Amino acid sequence: AETTLSAAAWPQGTVIEGLERPPEQALMGAFLSGALVLLMLDILAALWISGRLGGFARGAAMVAALALMTPDARAQGVPKDEQALQATTGLVLAHVLTGDARLDDTAAKGLIGLGEILWARTSIEPDRPIGVNIETDELAFFPFLYWPVSTAQPLPSAAAYSRLNDYLRTGGMILFDTRDADLASGSSPESQHLQRLAAGLNIPPLEQIPADHVLTRTFYLLQDFPGRHPRGAVWVEAAPPDAEQVEGMPFRNLNDGVTPVVIGGNDWASAWAVSDSGAPLLPVGRGFAGERQREMAYRFGVNLIMHVLTGNYKSDQVHVPALLDRLGQ
């Protein structure tokens, strides 16, 4: 209590620095412009030395002027660059932005909760999920899209449908969730809106998920796929009529055995969602039975992501006896 605090007396000319860092200087545009100028000078010098500068001088000067007039690279969407960097430096699960703030927040927190389960139980270590705008964002970065269907979301444009079809054709998976499994099948506004949304997508013939589908065993052995609702139908790509049958299992000639779409209404994100403290965000069922249902919802999510990332690995396991026999073992 007797101590008196006084300000430090620094020598003249001492620079006092705090904990702040100087802001970063965005030099990408300046360096790119400088590189283009040097390239033009190199071309002009090469033409001059070879004696062919006369006919090209005016054209080269015009190209150089256009290069110098190119907009600064900093004007190109920085947020998109940051999203691309985040999506490609790790495994990122994504959800489609619907325009419904509450629904989008639940989807994001659902993927956070599923990601924590994947970290704890598997070798999959996803980064924080990203919400994507199907009209403007690149989809190829994401192996999996969770799409909660909302009647407030307008139909995609032709360009967006083209990107979505490319995404489905090249190995991506979309989980469409109408969140209406507690209602009569197909009667909800969300189910009807999904039919309108899907009209522009190249979705293959579907069937209710069979008991022998690879989704039932990619990590956990499952018979049901509950979310916040327990027993809604789940639809996947149908096996081709002439599919090879081995021990009752059809082999599907898809993107490495991965169904491009899964459709259901069990409201999986609500069952996966966690609060900032890591506690379940929304109630599921009642008492112990509800927690068991939430656990099964997590297991379905784990199987789903394993299916996306490993393809037909589990289906191929039935070939092991034949391969060993062929190798003489």
Protein backbone atom coordinates (compact mmCIF):
# COMPACT_ATOMS: atom_id res chain seq x y z
CA ALA A 1 0.00 0.00 0.00
CA GLU A 2 2.95 2.33 0.57
CA THR A 3 4.24 1.84 -2.99
CA THR A 4 3.83 4.80 -5.31
CA LEU A 5 3.66 4.02 -8.99
CA SER A 6 5.07 6.57 -11.41
CA ALA A 7 5.36 6.63 -15.17
CA ALA A 8 8.59 5.31 -16.64
CA ALA A 9 11.03 7.99 -17.79
CA TRP A 10 12.40 6.87 -21.13
CA PRO A 11 15.45 8.49 -22.75
CA GLN A 12 14.85 11.03 -25.46
CA GLY A 13 14.19 9.46 -28.86
CA THR A 14 13.02 6.11 -27.54
CA VAL A 15 10.27 4.60 -29.69
CA ILE A 16 7.52 3.16 -27.52
CA GLU A 17 5.73 0.20 -29.10
CA GLY A 18 2.60 -1.49 -27.84
CA LEU A 19 1.16 -4.90 -28.63
CA GLU A 20 -0.39 -3.72 -31.87
CA ARG A 21 0.90 -5.10 -35.14
CA PRO A 22 1.27 -2.85 -38.16
CA PRO A 23 -1.44 -3.60 -40.72
CA GLU A 24 -0.48 -5.90 -43.57
CA GLN A 25 0.22 -4.25 -46.89
CA ALA A 26 -1.67 -5.85 -49.78
CA LEU A 27 1.04 -5.95 -52.48
CA MET A 28 -0.40 -8.64 -54.75
CA GLY A 29 -1.78 -6.18 -57.28
CA ALA A 30 1.36 -4.06 -57.38
CA PHE A 31 3.66 -7.04 -57.87
CA LEU A 32 1.41 -8.52 -60.56
CA SER A 33 1.36 -5.22 -62.46
CA GLY A 34 5.13 -4.90 -62.13
CA ALA A 35 5.62 -8.44 -63.45
CA LEU A 36 3.44 -7.67 -66.49
CA VAL A 37 5.45 -4.51 -67.23
CA LEU A 38 8.73 -6.43 -67.01
CA LEU A 39 7.30 -9.12 -69.30
CA MET A 40 6.37 -6.49 -71.89
CA LEU A 41 9.85 -4.96 -71.69
CA ASP A 42 11.43 -8.38 -72.16
CA ILE A 43 9.29 -9.06 -75.24
CA LEU A 44 10.14 -5.66 -76.72
CA ALA A 45 13.85 -6.17 -76.08
CA ALA A 46 13.78 -9.60 -77.74
CA LEU A 47 11.98 -8.18 -80.80
CA TRP A 48 14.41 -5.27 -81.03
CA ILE A 49 17.48 -7.52 -80.86
CA SER A 50 16.03 -9.81 -83.57
CA GLY A 51 15.23 -6.83 -85.81
CA ARG A 52 11.48 -7.49 -85.82
CA LEU A 53 10.39 -4.66 -83.57
CA GLY A 54 8.98 -2.37 -86.28
CA GLY A 55 5.75 -4.24 -87.00
CA PHE A 56 5.15 -5.22 -83.41
CA ALA A 57 6.01 -2.05 -81.55
CA ARG A 58 2.58 -0.47 -81.73
CA GLY A 59 0.75 -3.68 -80.83
CA ALA A 60 3.11 -4.38 -77.95
CA ALA A 61 2.66 -0.86 -76.64
CA MET A 62 -1.12 -1.29 -76.72
CA VAL A 63 -0.90 -4.60 -74.86
CA ALA A 64 1.35 -3.01 -72.26
CA ALA A 65 -1.10 -0.15 -71.82
CA LEU A 66 -3.98 -2.57 -71.37
CA ALA A 67 -1.96 -4.53 -68.82
CA LEU A 68 -1.28 -1.37 -66.84
CA MET A 69 -4.97 -0.51 -66.96
CA THR A 70 -5.95 -3.92 -65.52
CA PRO A 71 -7.90 -3.44 -62.26
CA ASP A 72 -5.92 -3.96 -59.09
CA ALA A 73 -6.02 -7.61 -58.05
CA ARG A 74 -7.13 -6.42 -54.66
CA ALA A 75 -10.49 -5.51 -56.18
CA GLN A 76 -11.21 -9.16 -56.88
CA GLY A 77 -13.39 -10.61 -54.09
CA VAL A 78 -11.18 -11.06 -51.08
CA PRO A 79 -13.85 -12.97 -49.16
CA LYS A 80 -13.99 -15.56 -51.96
CA ASP A 81 -10.22 -15.94 -51.83
CA GLU A 82 -10.39 -16.43 -48.09
CA GLN A 83 -13.20 -18.98 -48.47
CA ALA A 84 -11.23 -20.89 -51.11
CA LEU A 85 -8.18 -20.92 -48.85
CA GLN A 86 -10.20 -22.14 -45.87
CA ALA A 87 -11.94 -24.81 -47.93
CA THR A 88 -8.76 -26.21 -49.49
CA THR A 89 -6.35 -26.20 -46.55
CA GLY A 90 -8.44 -28.76 -44.68
CA LEU A 91 -11.56 -30.88 -44.89
CA VAL A 92 -14.61 -28.62 -44.74
CA LEU A 93 -18.26 -29.64 -44.58
CA ALA A 94 -20.64 -27.09 -46.06
CA HIS A 95 -24.30 -26.18 -45.88
CA VAL A 96 -26.38 -24.35 -48.47
CA LEU A 97 -27.50 -20.89 -47.39
CA THR A 98 -31.27 -20.65 -47.65
CA GLY A 99 -31.83 -17.03 -46.62
CA ASP A 100 -33.59 -18.15 -43.43
CA ALA A 101 -31.21 -16.95 -40.70
CA ARG A 102 -32.50 -19.35 -38.04
CA LEU A 103 -32.34 -22.35 -40.36
CA ASP A 104 -28.86 -21.44 -41.62
CA ASP A 105 -27.61 -21.02 -38.05
CA THR A 106 -28.99 -24.44 -37.08
CA ALA A 107 -27.34 -26.03 -40.13
CA ALA A 108 -23.98 -24.48 -39.24
CA LYS A 109 -24.17 -25.57 -35.61
CA GLY A 110 -25.32 -29.03 -36.69
CA LEU A 111 -22.21 -29.48 -38.84
CA ILE A 112 -20.07 -28.16 -35.98
CA GLY A 113 -21.57 -30.82 -33.70
CA LEU A 114 -21.06 -33.54 -36.30
CA GLY A 115 -17.50 -32.36 -36.81
CA GLU A 116 -16.76 -32.71 -33.10
CA ILE A 117 -18.04 -36.30 -33.17
CA LEU A 118 -15.88 -37.05 -36.21
CA TRP A 119 -12.83 -35.60 -34.43
CA ALA A 120 -13.52 -37.70 -31.33
CA ARG A 121 -14.34 -41.03 -32.96
CA THR A 122 -12.67 -41.24 -36.37
CA SER A 123 -9.59 -40.14 -38.28
CA ILE A 124 -11.65 -37.44 -40.03
CA GLU A 125 -10.79 -33.99 -38.67
CA PRO A 126 -13.01 -31.41 -40.37
CA ASP A 127 -12.46 -27.68 -40.05
CA ARG A 128 -15.22 -25.24 -39.18
CA PRO A 129 -18.13 -25.57 -41.64
CA ILE A 130 -18.87 -22.98 -44.31
CA GLY A 131 -22.18 -21.69 -45.62
CA VAL A 132 -22.21 -21.51 -49.42
CA ASN A 133 -24.28 -19.45 -51.79
CA ILE A 134 -25.08 -21.72 -54.71
CA GLU A 135 -25.43 -18.72 -57.02
CA THR A 136 -21.92 -17.34 -56.51
CA ASP A 137 -19.66 -19.74 -54.60
CA GLU A 138 -17.46 -22.50 -55.98
CA LEU A 139 -18.80 -25.91 -54.92
CA ALA A 140 -15.92 -28.13 -56.03
CA PHE A 141 -14.03 -27.49 -52.78
CA PHE A 142 -16.60 -29.38 -50.71
CA PRO A 143 -17.13 -33.16 -50.75
CA PHE A 144 -20.47 -32.80 -48.94
CA LEU A 145 -23.31 -30.26 -48.88
CA TYR A 146 -26.10 -30.26 -46.32
CA TRP A 147 -29.16 -28.57 -47.86
CA PRO A 148 -32.03 -27.84 -45.45
CA VAL A 149 -35.01 -27.19 -47.69
CA SER A 150 -36.80 -23.90 -47.03
CA THR A 151 -39.84 -22.58 -48.88
CA ALA A 152 -38.34 -19.10 -48.57
CA GLN A 153 -35.41 -20.02 -50.83
CA PRO A 154 -35.95 -19.06 -54.48
CA LEU A 155 -35.29 -21.54 -57.26
CA PRO A 156 -31.65 -21.50 -58.43
CA SER A 157 -30.71 -19.76 -61.65
CA ALA A 158 -29.70 -21.69 -64.77
CA ALA A 159 -26.02 -21.03 -63.99
CA ALA A 160 -26.46 -22.34 -60.45
CA TYR A 161 -28.20 -25.48 -61.73
CA SER A 162 -25.31 -26.04 -64.11
CA ARG A 163 -22.80 -25.80 -61.24
CA LEU A 164 -24.89 -28.11 -59.07
CA ASN A 165 -25.15 -30.72 -61.81
CA ASP A 166 -21.40 -30.55 -62.39
CA TYR A 167 -20.91 -30.99 -58.65
CA LEU A 168 -23.14 -34.08 -58.51
CA ARG A 169 -21.59 -35.57 -61.64
CA THR A 170 -18.00 -35.21 -60.41
CA GLY A 171 -18.31 -36.87 -57.01
CA GLY A 172 -20.02 -34.43 -54.66
CA MET A 173 -22.92 -35.43 -52.41
CA ILE A 174 -25.93 -33.36 -51.32
CA LEU A 175 -28.05 -34.30 -48.32
CA PHE A 176 -31.49 -32.74 -48.87
CA ASP A 177 -33.35 -32.43 -45.57
CA THR A 178 -37.00 -31.36 -45.72
CA ARG A 179 -37.31 -31.61 -41.89
CA ASP A 180 -40.91 -32.85 -42.21
CA ALA A 181 -40.73 -36.55 -41.28
CA ASP A 182 -43.33 -35.95 -38.56
CA LEU A 183 -45.88 -35.13 -41.29
CA ALA A 184 -47.49 -37.27 -43.96
CA SER A 185 -45.00 -38.09 -46.70
CA GLY A 186 -44.85 -35.47 -49.47
CA SER A 187 -47.59 -33.31 -47.98
CA SER A 188 -45.49 -30.54 -46.43
CA PRO A 189 -44.64 -27.28 -48.22
CA GLU A 190 -40.94 -28.22 -47.89
CA SER A 191 -41.44 -31.52 -49.73
CA GLN A 192 -43.33 -29.78 -52.51
CA HIS A 193 -40.66 -27.11 -52.74
CA LEU A 194 -37.97 -29.80 -52.95
CA GLN A 195 -39.75 -31.24 -55.97
CA ARG A 196 -39.55 -27.83 -57.63
CA LEU A 197 -35.88 -27.43 -56.64
CA ALA A 198 -34.96 -30.88 -57.92
CA ALA A 199 -36.67 -30.40 -61.29
CA GLY A 200 -33.54 -28.72 -62.68
CA LEU A 201 -31.09 -31.26 -61.24
CA ASN A 202 -29.87 -34.40 -62.96
CA ILE A 203 -30.90 -36.66 -60.09
CA PRO A 204 -30.81 -40.39 -60.91
CA PRO A 205 -33.66 -42.80 -60.10
CA LEU A 206 -34.08 -43.16 -56.35
CA GLU A 207 -35.12 -45.89 -53.95
CA GLN A 208 -35.62 -46.09 -50.22
CA ILE A 209 -32.31 -47.07 -48.70
CA PRO A 210 -32.10 -50.88 -48.75
CA ALA A 211 -30.92 -52.91 -45.78
CA ASP A 212 -27.71 -53.88 -47.59
CA HIS A 213 -26.71 -50.37 -48.68
CA VAL A 214 -23.12 -49.39 -47.92
CA LEU A 215 -24.40 -46.47 -45.81
CA THR A 216 -25.56 -49.01 -43.25
CA ARG A 217 -22.01 -50.13 -42.45
CA THR A 218 -19.34 -47.59 -43.48
CA PHE A 219 -18.45 -47.13 -39.78
CA TYR A 220 -21.36 -48.19 -37.59
CA LEU A 221 -23.85 -50.95 -38.33
CA LEU A 222 -27.20 -49.20 -38.70
CA GLN A 223 -30.77 -50.10 -39.55
CA ASP A 224 -32.38 -46.71 -38.85
CA PHE A 225 -31.25 -43.17 -39.67
CA PRO A 226 -32.98 -40.86 -37.18
CA GLY A 227 -32.47 -37.17 -36.69
CA ARG A 228 -34.74 -35.00 -34.61
CA HIS A 229 -37.51 -37.11 -36.12
CA PRO A 230 -37.01 -40.85 -35.71
CA ARG A 231 -38.37 -42.77 -38.66
CA GLY A 232 -38.70 -40.80 -41.88
CA ALA A 233 -37.93 -42.50 -45.17
CA VAL A 234 -34.42 -41.97 -46.56
CA TRP A 235 -33.88 -42.08 -50.33
CA VAL A 236 -30.64 -42.82 -52.20
CA GLU A 237 -29.70 -43.58 -55.78
CA ALA A 238 -31.30 -46.83 -56.91
CA ALA A 239 -29.16 -49.79 -57.88
CA PRO A 240 -29.19 -50.42 -61.64
CA PRO A 241 -31.53 -53.25 -62.65
CA ASP A 242 -28.64 -55.37 -63.90
CA ALA A 243 -26.42 -54.73 -60.85
CA GLU A 244 -24.08 -57.55 -59.96
CA GLN A 245 -25.24 -59.36 -56.84
CA VAL A 246 -22.67 -60.72 -54.40
CA GLU A 247 -23.97 -62.14 -51.15
CA GLY A 248 -27.17 -60.18 -51.64
CA MET A 249 -25.33 -56.87 -52.11
CA PRO A 250 -25.86 -54.88 -55.33
CA PHE A 251 -22.79 -53.14 -56.71
CA ARG A 252 -23.66 -49.65 -57.85
CA ASN A 253 -21.76 -48.17 -60.77
CA LEU A 254 -21.65 -44.61 -59.41
CA ASN A 255 -19.01 -42.07 -58.45
CA ASP A 256 -16.78 -44.63 -56.77
CA GLY A 257 -19.91 -46.18 -55.28
CA VAL A 258 -21.14 -42.91 -53.69
CA THR A 259 -24.78 -41.93 -54.12
CA PRO A 260 -24.82 -38.30 -55.30
CA VAL A 261 -27.94 -37.42 -53.31
CA VAL A 262 -29.51 -38.51 -50.06
CA ILE A 263 -33.02 -37.22 -49.41
CA GLY A 264 -34.93 -37.38 -46.14
CA GLY A 265 -36.88 -35.34 -43.66
CA ASN A 266 -35.50 -36.35 -40.26
CA ASP A 267 -34.02 -32.91 -39.48
CA TRP A 268 -30.52 -34.20 -38.87
CA ALA A 269 -28.86 -30.83 -38.26
CA SER A 270 -31.16 -30.12 -35.31
CA ALA A 271 -30.10 -33.41 -33.71
CA TRP A 272 -26.39 -32.74 -34.39
CA ALA A 273 -26.41 -29.06 -33.37
CA VAL A 274 -24.41 -27.90 -30.36
CA SER A 275 -24.23 -24.58 -28.53
CA ASP A 276 -21.06 -22.54 -28.10
CA SER A 277 -20.39 -24.48 -24.89
CA GLY A 278 -20.66 -27.83 -26.72
CA ALA A 279 -24.00 -28.85 -25.18
CA PRO A 280 -26.86 -30.13 -27.38
CA LEU A 281 -28.70 -27.15 -28.78
CA LEU A 282 -32.17 -28.60 -29.36
CA PRO A 283 -34.15 -31.34 -27.58
CA VAL A 284 -34.55 -34.74 -29.20
CA GLY A 285 -37.22 -37.14 -27.94
CA ARG A 286 -37.66 -37.65 -24.21
CA GLY A 287 -35.20 -38.69 -21.56
CA PHE A 288 -32.84 -41.58 -22.20
CA ALA A 289 -34.68 -42.59 -25.36
CA GLY A 290 -34.12 -39.10 -26.77
CA GLU A 291 -30.39 -39.22 -26.05
CA ARG A 292 -30.22 -42.65 -27.65
CA GLN A 293 -31.94 -41.19 -30.71
CA ARG A 294 -29.42 -38.33 -30.81
CA GLU A 295 -26.58 -40.87 -30.60
CA MET A 296 -28.00 -42.77 -33.57
CA ALA A 297 -28.32 -39.49 -35.48
CA TYR A 298 -24.62 -38.84 -34.86
CA ARG A 299 -23.81 -42.36 -36.03
CA PHE A 300 -25.74 -41.78 -39.24
CA GLY A 301 -23.76 -38.57 -39.77
CA VAL A 302 -20.48 -40.41 -39.24
CA ASN A 303 -21.51 -43.13 -41.71
CA LEU A 304 -22.58 -40.49 -44.22
CA ILE A 305 -19.26 -38.62 -44.18
CA MET A 306 -17.31 -41.89 -44.22
CA HIS A 307 -19.34 -42.92 -47.27
CA VAL A 308 -18.54 -39.64 -49.02
CA LEU A 309 -14.80 -39.90 -48.32
CA THR A 310 -14.16 -43.62 -48.81
CA GLY A 311 -16.49 -44.43 -51.70
CA ASN A 312 -16.99 -48.09 -52.43
CA TYR A 313 -14.33 -49.23 -49.94
CA LYS A 314 -16.81 -51.10 -47.74
CA SER A 315 -18.61 -52.66 -50.70
CA ASP A 316 -15.30 -53.93 -52.04
CA GLN A 317 -14.68 -55.89 -48.84
CA VAL A 318 -16.89 -58.72 -50.07
CA HIS A 319 -14.32 -59.37 -52.77
CA VAL A 320 -11.59 -60.11 -50.23
CA PRO A 321 -12.23 -63.90 -50.02
CA ALA A 322 -12.19 -64.17 -53.81
CA LEU A 323 -8.98 -62.12 -54.03
CA LEU A 324 -7.26 -64.23 -51.38
CA ASP A 325 -8.37 -67.40 -53.10
CA ARG A 326 -7.04 -66.10 -56.43
CA LEU A 327 -3.69 -65.30 -54.76
CA GLY A 328 -3.51 -68.86 -53.44
CA GLN A 329 -3.76 -67.85 -49.80
